[in-house]
Every structure is written in structure tokens, then in C-alpha cells.
Amino acid sequence: MNPNLRRAAEAARGFMPPDEGLALHDAAATVPVGGSPMLEIGSYCGKSGIYLGAAAQERATVLFALDHHRGSEENQPGWEWHEPDLVDPSVGRIDTLPHFRRTIHDAGLESTVIAVVGDSPTLGRHWQIPLSFLFIDGGHGSEPAHRDFELWTPWVERGGLLAIHDVFPDPADGGRPPFEIYCRAIESGDFVEVSATGSLRVLRRVHD
């Protein structure tokens, strides 16, 4: 990974440890040059967007970064991962979009990382583009996690990669839905695990 982009990613606001971020980048950097685009679900303030955007740039493709930028359930007031300074006082709601845009701008990735502002189910109903790489890191509640899996994994092309964040086999370490969709992917027979780094799992599609 480009050293400047690596430093920018590690300095960016977010929750991904450096070893997981590098593993995410390295996996994405294996997709075919000039191939299908990548997509991440859940962009927050742009940390993962730099890791994936750097890989997309290296592979001559683009990353669509999908987020409604109002924060997931766990980011809301009263929850563990709430950050009060992300609340837009004019509307009283979280707004991470300005932070995301500044992060991607400062990393020099605006021509590679394309912000898609909206909710996953709405876009998913209209999406028609095969994906070389899909990263699921959106809402971690049961309904949004399973819905993202069902809507988006069919678009991962054969040989393409699926990455899932916050996969914790031990319930004491974290929430269950990301682990549940990881299990669904394995049990479907359509995906095989490629790597595991911390809570990041990378799988390859072996069947259409």
C-alpha cells in the first residue's frame, strides 16, 4: 500500500485497526486490473474508504462508498459508539458526510472513491452492476446485516471477494449478526474463506 495513503488511513477517524485495514486493502488489491467496481456498505468518516480506495486505484477501477451518513444504530445517542461532535446541530442528527468527503479529498482519492449517499435497501433494489469486491460493514443489527447480505452478495461475481467486518465467533467479544452472515456465506457453498485478520473475514465466491 502506498505509504502516504497508509498513513492517511491510519490517521482517519473510524474503528478499524491497522492490521485489519491492511488486510482489507491487500485482499482488494488482488482483483483483476480494470475489472468490475468495488462497493463498501458503511463508510462512516472514510477510514475504510482509503484502504479500499487505494486498492481500487492500483487496480484501475473504482470504489462505490455507500452510506446514508446518519449513523448506524450503535452510533446514536445513548449507545456505546456515539460521538457527539458528529451531530449536526441544525437538524439534531448525525451527519458524517462532511467528514467522509474531507477524508477522501485529503487522501487524493476523489476520482476513485465515489460517495453514494442513501440507504442500502433502496439502492440495493435498483443495483445492476457486478462487483469484484464487496465489503459489508453497515448496520450491525440483525435486520440490516442480514438484509445487506441478501441484497448485495448476489452481485459478487464468480472469483470476486466478499469481506465482512466485526465477525466475532465468541459472543462475549461482540454482536452476533456479522458472524451470522459470515456463517450464511460459508454454509451457502458459494463462498470459501480466504483470510481472517482480527474481526475481518475475506471470502471468495466459487459458484454463481
Protein backbone atom coordinates (compact mmCIF):
# COMPACT_ATOMS: atom_id res chain seq x y z
CA MET A 1 0.00 0.00 0.00
CA ASN A 2 1.20 3.49 -0.82
CA PRO A 3 2.89 4.74 2.39
CA ASN A 4 1.19 8.14 2.25
CA LEU A 5 -2.24 6.55 1.88
CA ARG A 6 -1.47 4.10 4.65
CA ARG A 7 -0.63 6.97 6.99
CA ALA A 8 -3.79 8.80 5.94
CA ALA A 9 -5.91 5.71 6.57
CA GLU A 10 -4.43 5.08 10.00
CA ALA A 11 -4.97 8.72 10.96
CA ALA A 12 -8.55 8.85 9.70
CA ARG A 13 -11.47 8.71 12.09
CA GLY A 14 -13.04 5.30 12.47
CA PHE A 15 -12.95 1.96 14.24
CA MET A 16 -10.82 -0.31 12.01
CA PRO A 17 -7.46 -1.42 13.48
CA PRO A 18 -4.44 -1.01 11.17
CA ASP A 19 -3.88 -4.75 10.72
CA GLU A 20 -7.47 -5.25 9.58
CA GLY A 21 -7.27 -2.20 7.30
CA LEU A 22 -4.13 -3.52 5.62
CA ALA A 23 -5.71 -6.95 5.22
CA LEU A 24 -8.74 -5.30 3.62
CA HIS A 25 -6.51 -3.38 1.22
CA ASP A 26 -4.36 -6.38 0.37
CA ALA A 27 -7.40 -8.53 -0.41
CA ALA A 28 -8.95 -5.86 -2.61
CA ALA A 29 -5.63 -5.37 -4.39
CA THR A 30 -5.92 -8.89 -5.84
CA VAL A 31 -8.96 -8.22 -8.04
CA PRO A 32 -8.38 -8.06 -11.82
CA VAL A 33 -6.95 -4.82 -13.20
CA GLY A 34 -9.63 -2.76 -14.92
CA GLY A 35 -12.36 -5.13 -13.78
CA SER A 36 -15.71 -4.64 -12.11
CA PRO A 37 -16.06 -1.95 -9.43
CA MET A 38 -15.86 -2.42 -5.69
CA LEU A 39 -18.55 -1.50 -3.18
CA GLU A 40 -18.43 -0.85 0.55
CA ILE A 41 -21.56 -0.69 2.68
CA GLY A 42 -20.92 1.59 5.63
CA SER A 43 -18.37 4.34 5.05
CA TYR A 44 -18.64 6.41 8.24
CA CYS A 45 -15.84 9.02 8.08
CA GLY A 46 -13.78 7.38 5.32
CA LYS A 47 -11.15 5.22 7.02
CA SER A 48 -12.03 2.02 5.15
CA GLY A 49 -12.60 4.13 2.04
CA ILE A 50 -8.89 4.98 1.98
CA TYR A 51 -7.79 1.36 2.36
CA LEU A 52 -10.18 0.20 -0.36
CA GLY A 53 -9.76 3.31 -2.49
CA ALA A 54 -6.01 2.77 -2.59
CA ALA A 55 -6.59 -0.77 -3.85
CA ALA A 56 -9.16 0.40 -6.39
CA GLN A 57 -6.69 2.98 -7.66
CA GLU A 58 -4.00 0.33 -8.00
CA ARG A 59 -6.38 -1.96 -9.91
CA ALA A 60 -7.69 0.78 -12.24
CA THR A 61 -11.26 0.52 -11.02
CA VAL A 62 -13.48 2.49 -8.63
CA LEU A 63 -14.96 2.08 -5.18
CA PHE A 64 -18.60 2.98 -4.57
CA ALA A 65 -18.86 4.04 -0.92
CA LEU A 66 -22.46 3.61 0.21
CA ASP A 67 -23.72 5.20 3.42
CA HIS A 68 -26.73 7.27 4.49
CA HIS A 69 -24.31 9.13 6.79
CA ARG A 70 -26.83 9.36 9.63
CA GLY A 71 -25.00 6.76 11.71
CA SER A 72 -25.83 3.15 12.47
CA GLU A 73 -27.85 2.11 15.50
CA GLU A 74 -24.73 1.81 17.63
CA ASN A 75 -23.71 5.40 16.75
CA GLN A 76 -26.87 7.02 18.09
CA PRO A 77 -27.09 8.95 21.40
CA GLY A 78 -27.04 6.65 24.39
CA TRP A 79 -25.15 3.89 22.58
CA GLU A 80 -21.54 2.85 23.11
CA TRP A 81 -20.13 4.20 19.84
CA HIS A 82 -21.87 7.59 19.83
CA GLU A 83 -19.63 10.56 19.01
CA PRO A 84 -21.48 13.78 19.92
CA ASP A 85 -19.41 16.08 17.69
CA LEU A 86 -20.77 14.26 14.62
CA VAL A 87 -24.28 15.56 15.31
CA ASP A 88 -25.39 18.38 13.00
CA PRO A 89 -26.96 20.85 15.44
CA SER A 90 -29.18 22.37 12.76
CA VAL A 91 -31.11 19.11 12.35
CA GLY A 92 -30.18 17.29 15.55
CA ARG A 93 -28.98 14.20 13.69
CA ILE A 94 -25.62 12.62 12.96
CA ASP A 95 -24.04 13.71 9.68
CA THR A 96 -20.76 12.01 8.79
CA LEU A 97 -20.79 13.04 5.12
CA PRO A 98 -18.68 16.21 5.52
CA HIS A 99 -16.06 14.23 7.45
CA PHE A 100 -16.07 11.47 4.82
CA ARG A 101 -15.66 13.95 1.98
CA ARG A 102 -12.79 15.73 3.69
CA THR A 103 -11.04 12.43 4.43
CA ILE A 104 -11.25 11.25 0.82
CA HIS A 105 -10.29 14.69 -0.52
CA ASP A 106 -7.24 14.94 1.70
CA ALA A 107 -6.16 11.45 0.63
CA GLY A 108 -6.35 12.47 -3.04
CA LEU A 109 -8.88 9.75 -3.85
CA GLU A 110 -11.90 11.74 -5.03
CA SER A 111 -11.60 10.41 -8.58
CA THR A 112 -11.52 6.80 -7.34
CA VAL A 113 -13.86 6.75 -4.32
CA ILE A 114 -17.41 7.64 -5.32
CA ALA A 115 -19.70 8.60 -2.45
CA VAL A 116 -23.19 7.17 -2.76
CA VAL A 117 -25.46 8.84 -0.21
CA GLY A 118 -28.52 6.78 0.56
CA ASP A 119 -29.74 3.71 2.39
CA SER A 120 -28.67 0.23 1.44
CA PRO A 121 -32.12 -1.33 0.80
CA THR A 122 -33.21 1.47 -1.54
CA LEU A 123 -30.09 1.33 -3.68
CA GLY A 124 -29.95 -2.46 -3.48
CA ARG A 125 -33.37 -2.77 -5.11
CA HIS A 126 -32.09 -0.91 -8.18
CA TRP A 127 -28.46 -2.06 -8.40
CA GLN A 128 -27.48 -3.92 -11.58
CA ILE A 129 -23.66 -3.91 -11.65
CA PRO A 130 -21.43 -6.96 -10.94
CA LEU A 131 -18.87 -6.42 -8.19
CA SER A 132 -15.30 -7.60 -7.94
CA PHE A 133 -15.21 -6.80 -4.22
CA LEU A 134 -17.96 -6.27 -1.63
CA PHE A 135 -17.28 -5.04 1.90
CA ILE A 136 -20.17 -5.31 4.37
CA ASP A 137 -19.70 -3.01 7.36
CA GLY A 138 -23.07 -1.28 7.68
CA GLY A 139 -25.63 -1.60 10.44
CA HIS A 140 -24.76 -4.41 12.84
CA GLY A 141 -28.30 -5.10 13.99
CA SER A 142 -29.87 -8.36 12.85
CA GLU A 143 -32.22 -6.88 10.25
CA PRO A 144 -29.75 -4.55 8.48
CA ALA A 145 -26.90 -7.06 8.48
CA HIS A 146 -28.94 -9.92 7.03
CA ARG A 147 -30.65 -7.58 4.58
CA ASP A 148 -27.29 -6.32 3.31
CA PHE A 149 -26.15 -9.91 2.87
CA GLU A 150 -29.27 -10.85 0.92
CA LEU A 151 -29.34 -7.74 -1.28
CA TRP A 152 -25.70 -7.41 -2.18
CA THR A 153 -23.92 -10.79 -2.21
CA PRO A 154 -25.73 -11.90 -5.40
CA TRP A 155 -23.79 -9.16 -7.23
CA VAL A 156 -20.37 -10.53 -6.28
CA GLU A 157 -19.06 -12.07 -9.47
CA ARG A 158 -17.55 -15.54 -9.59
CA GLY A 159 -14.00 -15.28 -8.30
CA GLY A 160 -14.88 -11.99 -6.61
CA LEU A 161 -14.36 -11.27 -2.94
CA LEU A 162 -16.69 -10.68 -0.02
CA ALA A 163 -15.32 -9.05 3.13
CA ILE A 164 -17.27 -8.82 6.39
CA HIS A 165 -16.18 -6.73 9.35
CA ASP A 166 -16.75 -7.27 13.08
CA VAL A 167 -17.07 -11.05 12.85
CA PHE A 168 -16.76 -12.37 16.40
CA PRO A 169 -17.13 -16.15 16.90
CA ASP A 170 -17.26 -15.62 20.68
CA PRO A 171 -20.43 -13.71 21.67
CA ALA A 172 -18.51 -12.13 24.55
CA ASP A 173 -16.40 -10.21 22.02
CA GLY A 174 -19.16 -8.52 20.01
CA GLY A 175 -22.56 -8.63 18.37
CA ARG A 176 -23.79 -11.70 16.50
CA PRO A 177 -25.22 -10.50 13.16
CA PRO A 178 -21.90 -10.06 11.29
CA PHE A 179 -20.86 -13.53 12.46
CA GLU A 180 -24.26 -14.90 11.39
CA ILE A 181 -23.95 -13.57 7.84
CA TYR A 182 -20.39 -14.87 7.66
CA CYS A 183 -21.77 -18.30 8.57
CA ARG A 184 -24.52 -17.92 5.96
CA ALA A 185 -21.91 -17.22 3.30
CA ILE A 186 -19.88 -20.31 4.21
CA GLU A 187 -22.92 -22.56 4.59
CA SER A 188 -24.30 -21.46 1.21
CA GLY A 189 -21.42 -23.25 -0.52
CA ASP A 190 -20.98 -20.19 -2.74
CA PHE A 191 -18.07 -18.74 -0.76
CA VAL A 192 -14.85 -20.06 0.76
CA GLU A 193 -12.77 -18.27 3.35
CA VAL A 194 -9.58 -16.66 2.08
CA SER A 195 -8.26 -14.93 5.18
CA ALA A 196 -9.08 -13.93 8.76
CA THR A 197 -7.44 -10.92 10.41
CA GLY A 198 -8.83 -9.81 13.74
CA SER A 199 -12.56 -9.45 13.16
CA LEU A 200 -12.22 -9.17 9.37
CA ARG A 201 -13.14 -12.15 7.22
CA VAL A 202 -12.45 -12.30 3.48
CA LEU A 203 -14.21 -14.91 1.31
CA ARG A 204 -14.07 -15.75 -2.39
CA ARG A 205 -17.10 -16.60 -4.49
CA VAL A 206 -16.64 -20.02 -6.06
CA HIS A 207 -20.14 -20.56 -7.51
CA ASP A 208 -22.56 -18.27 -9.34
